[in-house]
Structures are given as structure tokens and as C-alpha cells.
Amino acid sequence: MAECRFLPDVLRGTRGLHGDTGDTGDTGDTGDTGDTGDTGDTGDTGDTGDTGPAGPAGRGLAGPLGWSPFARRFSPLCYAVTCKTPQTMVLYGSTMGNFSNTTAPFSRHPGATNDPELQLPTEYFGTAAVDPYLMMDRWRLVDIKVVCAGAAVAQATVGAAPELQVEFWQVNLASNSLIGTIDLPCISGLANIGIHNTASGRTSLIYFAKHSFNPRLEPLPFTFFGWSFKNQSVDNNDINAIQVASSALVFRRRGF
């Protein structure tokens, strides 16, 4: 019968001392040393490192999906875009005239004396009278600024909170459809706003802006989109005249 040994009978850190040859049957204990091999199984944890390639998705890149643990490669048929940076688009429009007590369209290609209008002539939208944008995809307005060389109210004094109104249109074949109206507060240059509809003679730029909208403005995809200044004269906070103005509209992509 093999000799029975206890932990105090063996050296620290080892499994069994070399005993009599007859005790070779205890070699099974040596098999316990194989447990050390199980520690090698811990190395299999390294396979977890294969997950690493998906990391680029966190940096706004196209993150491929469909990892095969057998082929150890990504499936070429499965990709997901995980870009966290919003896509934006800026549309510009200007007016080069002096518009007193009347509306004024903003255009990509304004004329020197008379801007293109958001109205349809008999020649359809192909003439200089219409200059809208063709909207591709679905976009939501998130910011708008209008900078004027001159602006005025109809009254004898300027109110404490003047606003410039902008109308937004879907330009059709034979008509225009109003899709939104926004009042822009003056954020700079209030002291340069004129009175009695006299927008000329100003000495500094006048800024109107807004970046929060309720309801939201989202032109339909594949439609013609344009905007214009709408004169107002209810009180001395209404801008009723502008002279030489430029506008910028910032949109955020919503997708189809």
C-alpha cells in the first residue's frame, strides 16, 4: 500500500517528495501538477482581445459587425455606422436691395438692384425670378442668422426687443406653400435700427438670430425650398424695412 503523506511532510511549493520507488503509484498526484496546466487555460482569455477591432466604431468610424470566431474575420455583409458627430448643412441667401414696407426674398444669386422673387413667372422657376434650393434628404433647421447693413421700424422710436420675421416656402410649379414663420430677435446692433422705415444711413451691422424652434422646421425631401423677409408694422418691435442683408441657415441631417 502506498505511503500516505500530508502537507507538513512535503516541501513548500511542491507536490510530493521523491519517495521509494514502490510509491510510484502516487504518480497520480503528479497529475495534479497538470492543474498548473489549467493555469495555461487562462491564456485563452487572450481570445477576448479579438474584440478589439470593433474599437474604431467608438471613434466615429464604420464599425463592422458579424465577427466570426472560427474564420477570425469580419463578415463583409454586415456594417453599422456609429458616427456620433451630427451631419450639418448650411444654406445661404442674400438680398442686395432696399426694401421698405415690403417683403424681400433671400437668394443664392441676388441681383444688384432687384432680387429674384419666390414667385413663379410664366417661364417657371428656370428664370432669375426664382432661386430656391432643391432639398436632398431630410433636414431640420437648428440655427439661423440674418445680418443687415440696415434695418428700420415703421414708428418714430425703436422698441426694446425688435424682431425680424422670416417666412419659409416650398416652391411649387404654379404656387408657393408657406411651411413656417420665425421671428428672429436682434442680438447685436440694436442702436443702429432706424425709424420711419429708413433703413439706409446705418453705421454698423445689425444681427438677428435664433437657434431653438417650436414647431420644428423640416422641409420635405426633394422639394424646392426658399425663404424671405416678411415686413411687419404692428408695433415698434417689428422690423418693417431692411437694406442689403445676408442670411445663413444651419440644418441637421435627419435621414430619409
Protein backbone atom coordinates (compact mmCIF):
# COMPACT_ATOMS: atom_id res chain seq x y z
CA MET A 1 0.00 0.00 0.00
CA ALA A 2 1.31 3.42 -0.91
CA GLU A 3 2.59 5.61 1.86
CA CYS A 4 0.15 8.35 2.93
CA ARG A 5 1.67 11.81 3.20
CA PHE A 6 0.29 15.11 4.48
CA LEU A 7 1.19 18.72 3.61
CA PRO A 8 3.68 19.11 6.50
CA ASP A 9 5.54 16.12 5.07
CA VAL A 10 6.31 17.82 1.73
CA LEU A 11 8.39 20.78 0.71
CA ARG A 12 6.70 24.19 0.39
CA GLY A 13 5.58 24.85 -3.14
CA THR A 14 5.90 21.29 -4.39
CA ARG A 15 3.61 18.33 -4.76
CA GLY A 16 5.08 15.25 -3.13
CA LEU A 17 8.69 14.33 -2.44
CA HIS A 18 10.58 11.66 -4.27
CA GLY A 19 9.80 8.61 -2.13
CA ASP A 20 10.53 4.96 -2.51
CA THR A 21 10.28 3.64 -5.98
CA GLY A 22 7.46 1.46 -4.88
CA ASP A 23 5.43 4.53 -4.20
CA THR A 24 5.43 5.35 -7.88
CA GLY A 25 1.74 4.66 -7.82
CA ASP A 26 1.42 8.08 -6.21
CA THR A 27 2.40 9.46 -9.59
CA GLY A 28 -1.27 10.26 -9.91
CA ASP A 29 -0.54 13.10 -7.53
CA THR A 30 1.87 14.31 -10.09
CA GLY A 31 -1.12 14.54 -12.32
CA ASP A 32 -2.26 17.32 -10.04
CA THR A 33 0.65 19.20 -11.42
CA GLY A 34 -1.38 19.13 -14.56
CA ASP A 35 -3.64 21.56 -12.78
CA THR A 36 -0.87 24.01 -13.35
CA GLY A 37 -1.60 23.45 -16.97
CA ASP A 38 -5.08 24.73 -16.26
CA THR A 39 -3.40 27.98 -15.50
CA GLY A 40 -2.39 27.90 -19.10
CA ASP A 41 -6.07 27.91 -19.94
CA THR A 42 -6.12 31.37 -18.51
CA GLY A 43 -4.16 32.30 -21.58
CA ASP A 44 -7.31 31.58 -23.58
CA THR A 45 -8.59 34.80 -22.14
CA GLY A 46 -6.38 36.39 -24.73
CA ASP A 47 -9.06 35.49 -27.27
CA THR A 48 -11.11 38.23 -25.71
CA GLY A 49 -8.60 40.58 -27.26
CA ASP A 50 -10.13 39.74 -30.64
CA THR A 51 -12.98 42.01 -29.66
CA GLY A 52 -10.55 44.89 -30.00
CA PRO A 53 -11.10 45.52 -33.75
CA ALA A 54 -14.60 46.78 -33.02
CA GLY A 55 -12.98 49.64 -31.10
CA PRO A 56 -12.72 52.03 -34.12
CA ALA A 57 -16.52 52.31 -34.10
CA GLY A 58 -16.20 54.35 -30.93
CA ARG A 59 -14.12 56.89 -32.86
CA GLY A 60 -16.85 57.65 -35.33
CA LEU A 61 -15.72 55.16 -37.97
CA ALA A 62 -17.73 52.48 -39.66
CA GLY A 63 -17.85 49.67 -37.14
CA PRO A 64 -18.05 46.28 -38.86
CA LEU A 65 -20.27 43.66 -37.28
CA GLY A 66 -20.58 39.91 -37.78
CA TRP A 67 -17.30 38.73 -36.22
CA SER A 68 -16.69 35.03 -36.84
CA PRO A 69 -14.74 33.27 -34.06
CA PHE A 70 -14.00 30.45 -36.50
CA ALA A 71 -12.73 32.38 -39.50
CA ARG A 72 -11.39 35.12 -37.21
CA ARG A 73 -12.51 37.87 -39.57
CA PHE A 74 -15.46 40.20 -40.05
CA SER A 75 -18.36 39.39 -42.27
CA PRO A 76 -18.21 41.68 -45.35
CA LEU A 77 -22.01 41.87 -45.42
CA CYS A 78 -22.71 43.48 -42.06
CA TYR A 79 -21.65 47.04 -41.20
CA ALA A 80 -23.08 49.68 -38.88
CA VAL A 81 -22.34 53.41 -38.94
CA THR A 82 -21.87 54.62 -35.39
CA CYS A 83 -20.72 58.18 -36.08
CA LYS A 84 -21.63 60.37 -33.12
CA THR A 85 -20.95 63.68 -34.86
CA PRO A 86 -24.16 65.16 -36.32
CA GLN A 87 -24.14 65.95 -40.03
CA THR A 88 -24.94 69.58 -40.76
CA MET A 89 -25.65 71.65 -43.85
CA VAL A 90 -25.57 75.43 -44.29
CA LEU A 91 -27.72 77.28 -46.83
CA TYR A 92 -27.00 80.92 -47.68
CA GLY A 93 -29.20 83.64 -49.10
CA SER A 94 -28.83 87.38 -49.60
CA THR A 95 -30.75 90.43 -50.71
CA MET A 96 -28.99 93.44 -52.23
CA GLY A 97 -31.86 95.92 -52.39
CA ASN A 98 -33.53 98.40 -50.06
CA PHE A 99 -36.93 97.02 -49.09
CA SER A 100 -39.16 99.43 -47.20
CA ASN A 101 -42.64 98.37 -46.08
CA THR A 102 -42.45 95.32 -48.37
CA THR A 103 -41.21 91.74 -48.44
CA ALA A 104 -37.76 90.71 -49.65
CA PRO A 105 -36.67 87.27 -50.88
CA PHE A 106 -33.31 85.81 -49.92
CA SER A 107 -31.46 84.33 -52.88
CA ARG A 108 -28.30 82.43 -53.72
CA HIS A 109 -27.71 84.78 -56.65
CA PRO A 110 -29.23 88.15 -55.75
CA GLY A 111 -29.42 90.85 -58.37
CA ALA A 112 -27.71 94.19 -57.93
CA THR A 113 -30.94 96.18 -57.85
CA ASN A 114 -33.84 93.74 -57.76
CA ASP A 115 -33.62 90.34 -56.05
CA PRO A 116 -35.11 87.17 -57.53
CA GLU A 117 -38.53 86.59 -56.04
CA LEU A 118 -40.01 83.43 -54.58
CA GLN A 119 -42.87 83.72 -57.03
CA LEU A 120 -43.40 81.74 -60.19
CA PRO A 121 -43.44 83.63 -63.53
CA THR A 122 -44.84 82.19 -66.71
CA GLU A 123 -41.33 80.93 -67.54
CA TYR A 124 -41.45 78.67 -64.48
CA PHE A 125 -38.65 78.50 -61.94
CA GLY A 126 -35.93 78.40 -64.58
CA THR A 127 -35.66 82.21 -64.77
CA ALA A 128 -33.90 84.56 -62.38
CA ALA A 129 -37.21 85.26 -60.65
CA VAL A 130 -36.95 82.06 -58.58
CA ASP A 131 -33.81 80.78 -56.89
CA PRO A 132 -34.74 78.10 -54.30
CA TYR A 133 -32.69 75.16 -53.09
CA LEU A 134 -33.52 71.59 -54.05
CA MET A 135 -33.56 69.72 -50.72
CA MET A 136 -31.89 66.30 -50.81
CA ASP A 137 -32.67 64.04 -47.85
CA ARG A 138 -34.47 65.21 -44.70
CA TRP A 139 -33.00 68.14 -42.75
CA ARG A 140 -34.11 70.02 -39.63
CA LEU A 141 -33.38 73.72 -39.08
CA VAL A 142 -31.24 74.21 -35.95
CA ASP A 143 -29.88 77.75 -36.36
CA ILE A 144 -30.49 80.87 -38.44
CA LYS A 145 -28.78 84.25 -38.58
CA VAL A 146 -29.60 87.32 -40.64
CA VAL A 147 -27.11 90.20 -40.83
CA CYS A 148 -28.34 93.52 -42.20
CA ALA A 149 -26.46 96.60 -43.33
CA GLY A 150 -29.63 98.50 -42.45
CA ALA A 151 -32.98 97.85 -40.77
CA ALA A 152 -35.84 100.01 -39.53
CA VAL A 153 -39.23 100.03 -37.84
CA ALA A 154 -42.24 101.98 -39.09
CA GLN A 155 -42.71 104.01 -35.89
CA ALA A 156 -40.89 107.05 -34.50
CA THR A 157 -39.00 105.01 -31.89
CA VAL A 158 -37.44 101.57 -31.77
CA GLY A 159 -38.77 99.11 -29.22
CA ALA A 160 -36.69 97.31 -26.61
CA ALA A 161 -36.94 93.92 -28.33
CA PRO A 162 -37.08 94.32 -32.13
CA GLU A 163 -37.61 91.21 -34.24
CA LEU A 164 -37.20 90.40 -37.93
CA GLN A 165 -39.66 87.91 -39.39
CA VAL A 166 -38.65 85.26 -41.92
CA GLU A 167 -41.09 83.15 -43.95
CA PHE A 168 -40.15 79.73 -45.33
CA TRP A 169 -41.61 78.36 -48.53
CA GLN A 170 -41.96 75.21 -50.54
CA VAL A 171 -41.72 76.42 -54.13
CA ASN A 172 -44.09 74.53 -56.41
CA LEU A 173 -44.74 74.67 -60.13
CA ALA A 174 -47.52 77.24 -60.07
CA SER A 175 -47.54 78.41 -56.43
CA ASN A 176 -45.64 78.60 -53.17
CA SER A 177 -46.67 76.85 -49.95
CA LEU A 178 -45.85 78.52 -46.64
CA ILE A 179 -44.24 75.90 -44.38
CA GLY A 180 -43.09 78.08 -41.47
CA THR A 181 -42.68 81.56 -40.00
CA ILE A 182 -39.99 82.52 -37.49
CA ASP A 183 -39.38 85.79 -35.63
CA LEU A 184 -35.68 86.47 -35.08
CA PRO A 185 -34.71 88.66 -32.12
CA CYS A 186 -31.99 91.28 -32.54
CA ILE A 187 -28.82 90.04 -30.83
CA SER A 188 -26.46 92.87 -31.82
CA GLY A 189 -26.63 96.38 -33.31
CA LEU A 190 -29.99 97.39 -31.87
CA ALA A 191 -28.82 101.02 -31.62
CA ASN A 192 -28.40 101.10 -35.41
CA ILE A 193 -32.01 100.21 -36.23
CA GLY A 194 -33.69 103.16 -37.94
CA ILE A 195 -37.15 104.65 -37.63
CA HIS A 196 -39.92 105.62 -40.10
CA ASN A 197 -38.82 102.79 -42.44
CA THR A 198 -35.46 104.45 -43.05
CA ALA A 199 -33.00 101.58 -43.21
CA SER A 200 -30.23 103.47 -45.01
CA GLY A 201 -27.50 105.51 -43.39
CA ARG A 202 -26.64 102.94 -40.73
CA THR A 203 -23.10 102.84 -39.30
CA SER A 204 -22.83 99.24 -38.06
CA LEU A 205 -24.13 95.76 -38.85
CA ILE A 206 -27.36 94.55 -37.27
CA TYR A 207 -27.68 90.89 -36.28
CA PHE A 208 -30.84 88.81 -35.88
CA ALA A 209 -30.61 85.15 -34.81
CA LYS A 210 -32.38 82.15 -33.30
CA HIS A 211 -31.42 78.52 -32.60
CA SER A 212 -34.48 76.99 -30.93
CA PHE A 213 -37.69 76.40 -32.87
CA ASN A 214 -41.16 75.23 -31.92
CA PRO A 215 -42.61 73.86 -34.07
CA ARG A 216 -39.61 72.40 -35.86
CA LEU A 217 -38.89 73.33 -39.45
CA GLU A 218 -38.17 70.35 -41.72
CA PRO A 219 -38.56 70.87 -45.48
CA LEU A 220 -39.71 67.75 -47.28
CA PRO A 221 -37.04 65.82 -49.22
CA PHE A 222 -36.78 66.55 -52.94
CA THR A 223 -38.76 69.79 -52.77
CA PHE A 224 -37.72 73.33 -53.65
CA PHE A 225 -37.06 75.36 -50.51
CA GLY A 226 -36.69 79.13 -50.12
CA TRP A 227 -37.18 81.90 -47.57
CA SER A 228 -37.94 85.62 -47.49
CA PHE A 229 -38.10 88.64 -45.21
CA LYS A 230 -41.65 89.49 -44.12
CA ASN A 231 -42.16 93.14 -43.19
CA GLN A 232 -44.19 93.81 -40.02
CA SER A 233 -45.51 97.08 -38.59
CA VAL A 234 -47.85 96.22 -35.70
CA ASP A 235 -45.60 98.00 -33.17
CA ASN A 236 -42.09 99.43 -32.84
CA ASN A 237 -40.60 95.99 -32.20
CA ASP A 238 -41.42 94.90 -35.75
CA ILE A 239 -38.78 95.33 -38.46
CA ASN A 240 -40.56 96.83 -41.46
CA ALA A 241 -37.59 97.66 -43.69
CA ILE A 242 -34.16 96.18 -44.45
CA GLN A 243 -31.27 97.13 -46.69
CA VAL A 244 -28.64 94.70 -48.02
CA ALA A 245 -28.98 91.60 -45.86
CA SER A 246 -27.33 88.20 -45.77
CA SER A 247 -28.67 85.04 -44.13
CA ALA A 248 -27.31 81.63 -43.14
CA LEU A 249 -29.46 78.62 -42.21
CA VAL A 250 -27.91 75.65 -40.42
CA PHE A 251 -29.64 72.28 -40.79
CA ARG A 252 -29.02 68.93 -39.08
CA ARG A 253 -29.49 65.77 -41.11
CA ARG A 254 -32.48 63.64 -40.17
CA GLY A 255 -32.21 60.95 -42.87
CA PHE A 256 -34.88 59.61 -45.17
